[in-house]
Protein backbone atom coordinates (compact mmCIF):
# COMPACT_ATOMS: atom_id res chain seq x y z
CA MET A 1 -19.16 17.60 -161.12
CA ARG A 2 -22.29 16.68 -160.87
CA LEU A 3 -23.26 14.17 -162.56
CA LYS A 4 -26.72 13.54 -164.51
CA HIS A 5 -28.05 10.76 -165.65
CA GLY A 6 -27.56 11.62 -168.91
CA THR A 7 -24.29 11.56 -169.48
CA VAL A 8 -24.52 7.71 -168.84
CA TRP A 9 -27.55 6.35 -170.20
CA VAL A 10 -27.25 7.61 -173.35
CA GLY A 11 -24.73 4.90 -174.39
CA LEU A 12 -27.15 2.06 -173.26
CA THR A 13 -28.97 0.16 -176.34
CA ALA A 14 -30.94 -2.53 -176.45
CA ALA A 15 -29.91 -5.57 -174.90
CA ALA A 16 -29.70 -9.33 -176.67
CA LEU A 17 -32.76 -11.73 -175.74
CA MET A 18 -30.84 -14.88 -175.30
CA ALA A 19 -33.83 -16.52 -173.55
CA THR A 20 -36.87 -18.94 -174.20
CA SER A 21 -40.45 -18.32 -172.79
CA ALA A 22 -43.50 -20.70 -172.63
CA CYS A 23 -46.54 -20.86 -174.41
CA GLY A 24 -49.36 -22.95 -174.23
CA ALA A 25 -52.48 -24.11 -175.97
CA ASP A 26 -56.25 -24.90 -174.89
CA SER A 27 -56.15 -28.00 -176.96
CA ALA A 28 -53.77 -30.61 -178.60
CA GLU A 29 -55.61 -29.25 -181.88
CA LYS A 30 -54.54 -25.97 -181.06
CA ALA A 31 -51.19 -26.76 -179.62
CA ALA A 32 -50.31 -28.20 -183.02
CA GLU A 33 -51.82 -24.84 -185.00
CA VAL A 34 -49.54 -23.16 -182.78
CA ALA A 35 -46.34 -25.09 -183.19
CA ASP A 36 -46.92 -25.43 -187.19
CA LYS A 37 -47.29 -21.48 -187.22
CA ALA A 38 -44.23 -20.75 -184.97
CA ASP A 39 -42.07 -23.27 -186.91
CA SER A 40 -42.70 -20.80 -189.95
CA ILE A 41 -41.99 -17.64 -187.61
CA MET A 42 -38.75 -19.44 -186.33
CA ALA A 43 -37.07 -20.20 -189.37
CA ALA A 44 -37.98 -16.80 -190.79
CA LEU A 45 -36.53 -15.12 -187.42
CA MET A 46 -33.36 -17.92 -188.02
CA ARG A 47 -32.58 -16.49 -191.62
CA ALA A 48 -32.68 -13.18 -190.28
CA SER A 49 -30.59 -14.11 -187.58
CA ASP A 50 -27.49 -15.54 -189.23
CA ARG A 51 -28.06 -12.50 -192.21
CA THR A 52 -27.27 -9.89 -189.60
CA GLU A 53 -24.43 -11.55 -188.41
CA GLU A 54 -22.90 -12.38 -191.42
CA ILE A 55 -23.17 -8.57 -192.37
CA GLY A 56 -20.87 -7.72 -189.13
CA SER A 57 -22.36 -4.15 -189.35
CA ALA A 58 -24.95 -1.56 -190.01
CA GLN A 59 -25.35 2.17 -190.59
CA VAL A 60 -28.34 3.19 -187.90
CA LYS A 61 -30.53 6.12 -186.69
CA MET A 62 -31.71 5.06 -182.93
CA SER A 63 -34.06 6.46 -180.46
CA THR A 64 -33.70 5.68 -176.82
CA ASP A 65 -36.64 7.26 -174.21
CA MET A 66 -36.35 6.39 -170.71
CA GLY A 67 -39.88 7.07 -170.38
CA ASN A 68 -39.98 10.65 -169.87
CA GLY A 69 -41.58 12.03 -173.18
CA LYS A 70 -38.24 13.16 -174.52
CA PRO A 71 -36.79 10.64 -176.80
CA ILE A 72 -32.87 11.01 -177.63
CA ALA A 73 -31.60 10.72 -181.40
CA MET A 74 -28.68 8.87 -181.92
CA GLU A 75 -27.13 7.98 -185.31
CA GLY A 76 -24.03 6.07 -186.59
CA THR A 77 -22.46 2.79 -187.13
CA TYR A 78 -22.78 -0.29 -185.10
CA SER A 79 -20.31 -2.89 -184.95
CA TRP A 80 -20.14 -6.67 -184.15
CA GLY A 81 -18.66 -8.69 -186.95
CA ASP A 82 -15.21 -8.49 -184.27
CA GLY A 83 -16.31 -7.38 -180.79
CA TYR A 84 -19.38 -5.09 -180.25
CA ALA A 85 -18.87 -1.51 -180.86
CA PHE A 86 -20.73 1.35 -181.85
CA ASP A 87 -19.73 5.00 -183.31
CA VAL A 88 -22.57 7.57 -182.33
CA GLU A 89 -23.55 11.11 -182.78
CA MET A 90 -26.24 12.51 -180.35
CA ASP A 91 -28.10 15.89 -179.31
CA THR A 92 -25.87 17.42 -176.77
CA ALA A 93 -28.93 19.13 -175.18
CA ALA A 94 -30.92 15.87 -175.12
CA VAL A 95 -28.72 14.50 -172.78
CA GLN A 96 -27.86 17.34 -170.41
CA MET A 97 -24.22 17.63 -171.43
CA GLN A 98 -24.06 21.16 -172.35
CA GLN A 99 -21.72 21.49 -169.37
CA LEU A 100 -19.23 19.32 -170.97
CA HIS A 101 -19.52 19.81 -174.42
CA ALA A 102 -20.71 23.36 -175.75
CA ALA A 103 -21.06 21.63 -179.68
CA PRO A 104 -25.07 21.11 -180.60
CA ARG A 105 -23.69 17.13 -180.95
CA THR A 106 -22.17 15.13 -178.99
CA ARG A 107 -20.01 11.61 -180.67
CA THR A 108 -20.10 8.75 -178.13
CA LEU A 109 -18.19 5.52 -178.52
CA PHE A 110 -18.68 1.85 -177.36
CA VAL A 111 -15.68 0.71 -177.55
CA ASP A 112 -13.79 -2.82 -174.82
CA GLY A 113 -16.72 -2.86 -172.67
CA ALA A 114 -16.63 1.02 -172.04
CA TYR A 115 -18.33 3.87 -173.07
CA TYR A 116 -16.72 7.10 -174.23
CA TYR A 117 -18.22 10.64 -174.74
CA ASP A 118 -16.49 13.41 -176.82
CA ILE A 119 -16.13 16.87 -174.49
CA ASP A 120 -14.52 19.64 -174.23
CA PRO A 121 -11.17 19.79 -172.26
CA GLN A 122 -12.62 20.47 -168.08
CA PRO A 123 -11.03 23.31 -166.20
CA SER A 124 -10.31 21.30 -162.96
CA GLY A 125 -10.88 17.89 -162.30
CA PRO A 126 -10.72 13.96 -163.29
CA LEU A 127 -11.20 16.11 -166.67
CA GLN A 128 -9.10 18.50 -166.64
CA GLY A 129 -7.66 18.94 -170.25
CA LYS A 130 -8.85 15.59 -171.16
CA GLU A 131 -11.17 14.99 -174.61
CA TRP A 132 -12.73 12.20 -173.80
CA MET A 133 -14.89 11.15 -170.51
CA LYS A 134 -14.98 7.01 -170.08
CA ILE A 135 -17.35 5.27 -168.14
CA ASP A 136 -16.85 1.42 -168.12
CA ALA A 137 -19.89 -0.81 -168.90
CA SER A 138 -19.70 -2.24 -165.09
CA ALA A 139 -20.98 1.18 -163.61
CA ILE A 140 -24.12 0.96 -165.94
CA PHE A 141 -24.93 -2.88 -165.23
CA GLY A 142 -23.38 -3.88 -162.67
CA ASP A 143 -20.56 -6.26 -162.50
CA LYS A 144 -21.90 -9.37 -163.14
CA GLY A 145 -24.36 -7.67 -165.58
CA ALA A 146 -21.19 -6.16 -167.52
CA GLN A 147 -19.65 -9.42 -168.38
CA ALA A 148 -23.14 -10.75 -169.52
CA PHE A 149 -22.99 -8.43 -172.17
CA ASP A 150 -19.43 -8.77 -173.22
CA GLY A 151 -18.01 -8.99 -176.44
CA SER A 152 -21.20 -8.60 -179.23
CA GLY A 153 -24.32 -8.89 -176.10
CA ASP A 154 -25.58 -6.05 -176.51
CA SER A 155 -25.53 -5.44 -180.54
CA PRO A 156 -28.47 -6.25 -182.52
CA SER A 157 -27.04 -9.42 -184.29
CA ALA A 158 -27.39 -10.92 -180.32
CA SER A 159 -30.71 -9.47 -180.48
CA MET A 160 -31.68 -11.57 -183.35
CA LYS A 161 -30.04 -14.72 -182.00
CA GLY A 162 -32.28 -14.31 -179.12
CA LEU A 163 -35.12 -14.58 -181.07
CA ARG A 164 -34.35 -17.44 -182.29
CA TYR A 165 -34.75 -19.12 -178.74
CA ALA A 166 -38.14 -17.07 -177.95
CA ASN A 167 -41.28 -19.85 -178.80
CA ASP A 168 -43.85 -16.86 -177.55
CA VAL A 169 -43.70 -15.43 -180.85
CA GLU A 170 -45.81 -13.63 -183.14
CA ASP A 171 -46.47 -13.08 -186.89
CA LEU A 172 -48.17 -9.89 -187.08
CA GLY A 173 -48.31 -9.55 -190.75
CA LYS A 174 -46.77 -7.42 -193.15
CA GLU A 175 -46.28 -3.41 -192.94
CA LYS A 176 -44.77 -0.68 -194.87
CA VAL A 177 -41.40 0.31 -192.95
CA ASP A 178 -39.06 3.20 -193.53
CA GLY A 179 -40.32 2.98 -197.13
CA GLN A 180 -39.77 -1.17 -196.93
CA SER A 181 -42.25 -3.96 -196.87
CA ALA A 182 -41.11 -6.08 -194.13
CA THR A 183 -43.07 -8.74 -191.84
CA HIS A 184 -43.26 -7.65 -188.42
CA TYR A 185 -42.80 -10.29 -185.38
CA LYS A 186 -43.40 -9.52 -181.61
CA ALA A 187 -41.49 -11.73 -178.64
CA VAL A 188 -42.04 -11.14 -174.98
CA VAL A 189 -39.23 -12.67 -172.71
CA ASP A 190 -39.65 -12.77 -168.99
CA LYS A 191 -36.81 -12.20 -166.62
CA ASP A 192 -36.82 -15.68 -165.29
CA HIS A 193 -36.46 -16.85 -168.92
CA MET A 194 -33.29 -14.50 -169.85
CA GLY A 195 -30.64 -16.30 -168.90
CA LYS A 196 -27.02 -14.93 -168.27
CA PHE A 197 -28.63 -11.48 -168.58
CA LYS A 198 -30.90 -11.42 -165.23
CA ASP A 199 -28.13 -10.33 -164.03
CA ALA A 200 -28.50 -7.28 -165.79
CA TYR A 201 -31.84 -7.18 -166.06
CA GLY A 202 -32.68 -8.78 -162.93
CA ASP A 203 -29.96 -6.43 -160.18
CA GLN A 204 -32.41 -3.80 -158.82
CA ASN A 205 -29.43 -2.24 -157.96
CA ASN A 206 -27.45 -1.10 -161.20
CA LEU A 207 -27.93 2.52 -162.71
CA LEU A 208 -29.80 0.68 -165.94
CA ASN A 209 -32.78 -0.32 -163.29
CA SER A 210 -32.77 2.82 -161.48
CA VAL A 211 -33.41 4.69 -164.26
CA ALA A 212 -35.30 2.37 -166.34
CA GLY A 213 -37.82 1.35 -163.67
CA GLY A 214 -36.65 -2.16 -162.93
CA VAL A 215 -36.82 -4.90 -165.84
CA ASP A 216 -39.35 -7.73 -165.66
CA ALA A 217 -39.66 -7.95 -169.10
CA ILE A 218 -38.35 -7.83 -172.28
CA THR A 219 -40.67 -7.19 -175.62
CA MET A 220 -39.04 -6.84 -179.02
CA ASP A 221 -40.49 -6.08 -181.94
CA VAL A 222 -38.74 -6.39 -185.52
CA TRP A 223 -39.51 -5.86 -189.13
CA VAL A 224 -37.77 -7.45 -191.35
CA ASN A 225 -37.37 -7.42 -195.29
CA ASP A 226 -37.20 -9.32 -198.38
CA LYS A 227 -33.36 -9.97 -197.73
CA ASP A 228 -33.57 -11.66 -194.50
CA LEU A 229 -32.43 -8.52 -193.10
CA PRO A 230 -33.91 -6.22 -189.86
CA VAL A 231 -35.59 -2.71 -191.03
CA ARG A 232 -36.40 -1.97 -187.98
CA MET A 233 -36.03 -3.31 -183.72
CA THR A 234 -37.99 -1.91 -180.97
CA GLN A 235 -36.87 -3.25 -177.68
CA HIS A 236 -39.27 -2.15 -174.27
CA PHE A 237 -37.81 -2.56 -171.19
CA GLY A 238 -39.09 -1.38 -167.87
CA ARG A 239 -40.48 2.54 -169.05
CA ALA A 240 -37.40 2.50 -171.43
CA THR A 241 -37.87 2.29 -175.42
CA VAL A 242 -35.13 1.59 -177.94
CA THR A 243 -35.58 1.77 -181.36
CA ILE A 244 -33.58 0.88 -184.41
CA ASP A 245 -34.21 1.45 -187.95
CA PHE A 246 -30.95 -0.19 -189.71
CA GLU A 247 -30.18 2.23 -192.80
CA LYS A 248 -27.29 0.40 -194.14
CA PHE A 249 -25.47 -2.98 -194.23
CA GLY A 250 -21.53 -3.79 -193.90
CA GLY A 251 -19.31 -1.53 -194.91
CA SER A 252 -17.87 -0.33 -191.62
CA THR A 253 -14.10 0.51 -190.64
CA LYS A 254 -12.87 -0.70 -187.29
CA ILE A 255 -13.81 1.42 -184.20
CA GLN A 256 -11.09 2.23 -181.74
CA ALA A 257 -11.17 3.59 -178.34
CA PRO A 258 -9.39 7.20 -178.03
CA PRO A 259 -5.64 7.38 -176.46
CA ALA A 260 -5.91 6.76 -172.90
CA ALA A 261 -3.76 10.10 -172.64
CA GLU A 262 -6.58 12.29 -173.76
CA THR A 263 -9.25 10.22 -171.41
CA GLY A 264 -10.36 10.82 -168.08
CA ASP A 265 -12.21 8.03 -166.22
CA LEU A 266 -15.32 8.68 -164.54
CA THR A 267 -16.19 5.02 -163.30
CA GLU A 268 -15.73 4.93 -159.68
CA GLN A 269 -17.34 8.41 -159.14
CA VAL A 270 -20.69 7.05 -160.83
CA LYS A 271 -20.59 3.71 -159.33
CA ALA A 272 -19.56 5.93 -155.95
CA ARG A 273 -22.83 7.97 -157.17
CA GLN A 274 -24.78 4.55 -157.32
CA GLN A 275 -24.28 3.37 -154.33
CA GLY A 276 -25.19 6.91 -152.32
């Protein structure tokens, strides 16, 4: 069975900004003005970060564009209150999974550090008679990168936390997003300031970088409403752009992995393909 990129990276979501970046000023006066404004921005982002973490889950609509001009739309539930997980549906043709799944939509889970794709049972091979295909996160990010994203590291809550530590941020003012009035904030974090996530973004040999084209910096935009909650979050890394619209916060049930007996694990095959 031939594995295409679409069967793997569609599960990728935006990674957390656990980093700091530097900013400067041409004079002491300008530095003071920048610092005062940065303090105000940081206070707003900390409120949004705390509020997002407190709620623990959200119904989202998400778009992933790996730089080919063909964004992949997904929608479903993201949960980070009890370990990071998601349960979404995506367009089967857009992710080139027609050979594995005849239905127009494909359900995808992320649970306990692994991606699961709902497929049609195959007549032979490792997916023979299986309802689900599993690919461990280590096949996407590499072993060290997967450890960096352990727990809630890849969740919207973790991304909001990352903004708290970025001092190179901008307040771009009020904008209308998804029918809501929101304040637009922006931050840029280079590779040297990604902390432990440099293991994922700095490893040129893992699948994330081979698909995204190398990640030297992350640019993140977030729109926060008057309830201190994100309305939209966009991250740019390498050729990739991931956008999440938050439709509703809270109320999700626990997301569980499919039964092992119904799952075929392709992690090692994907890793071998990368090495080859």
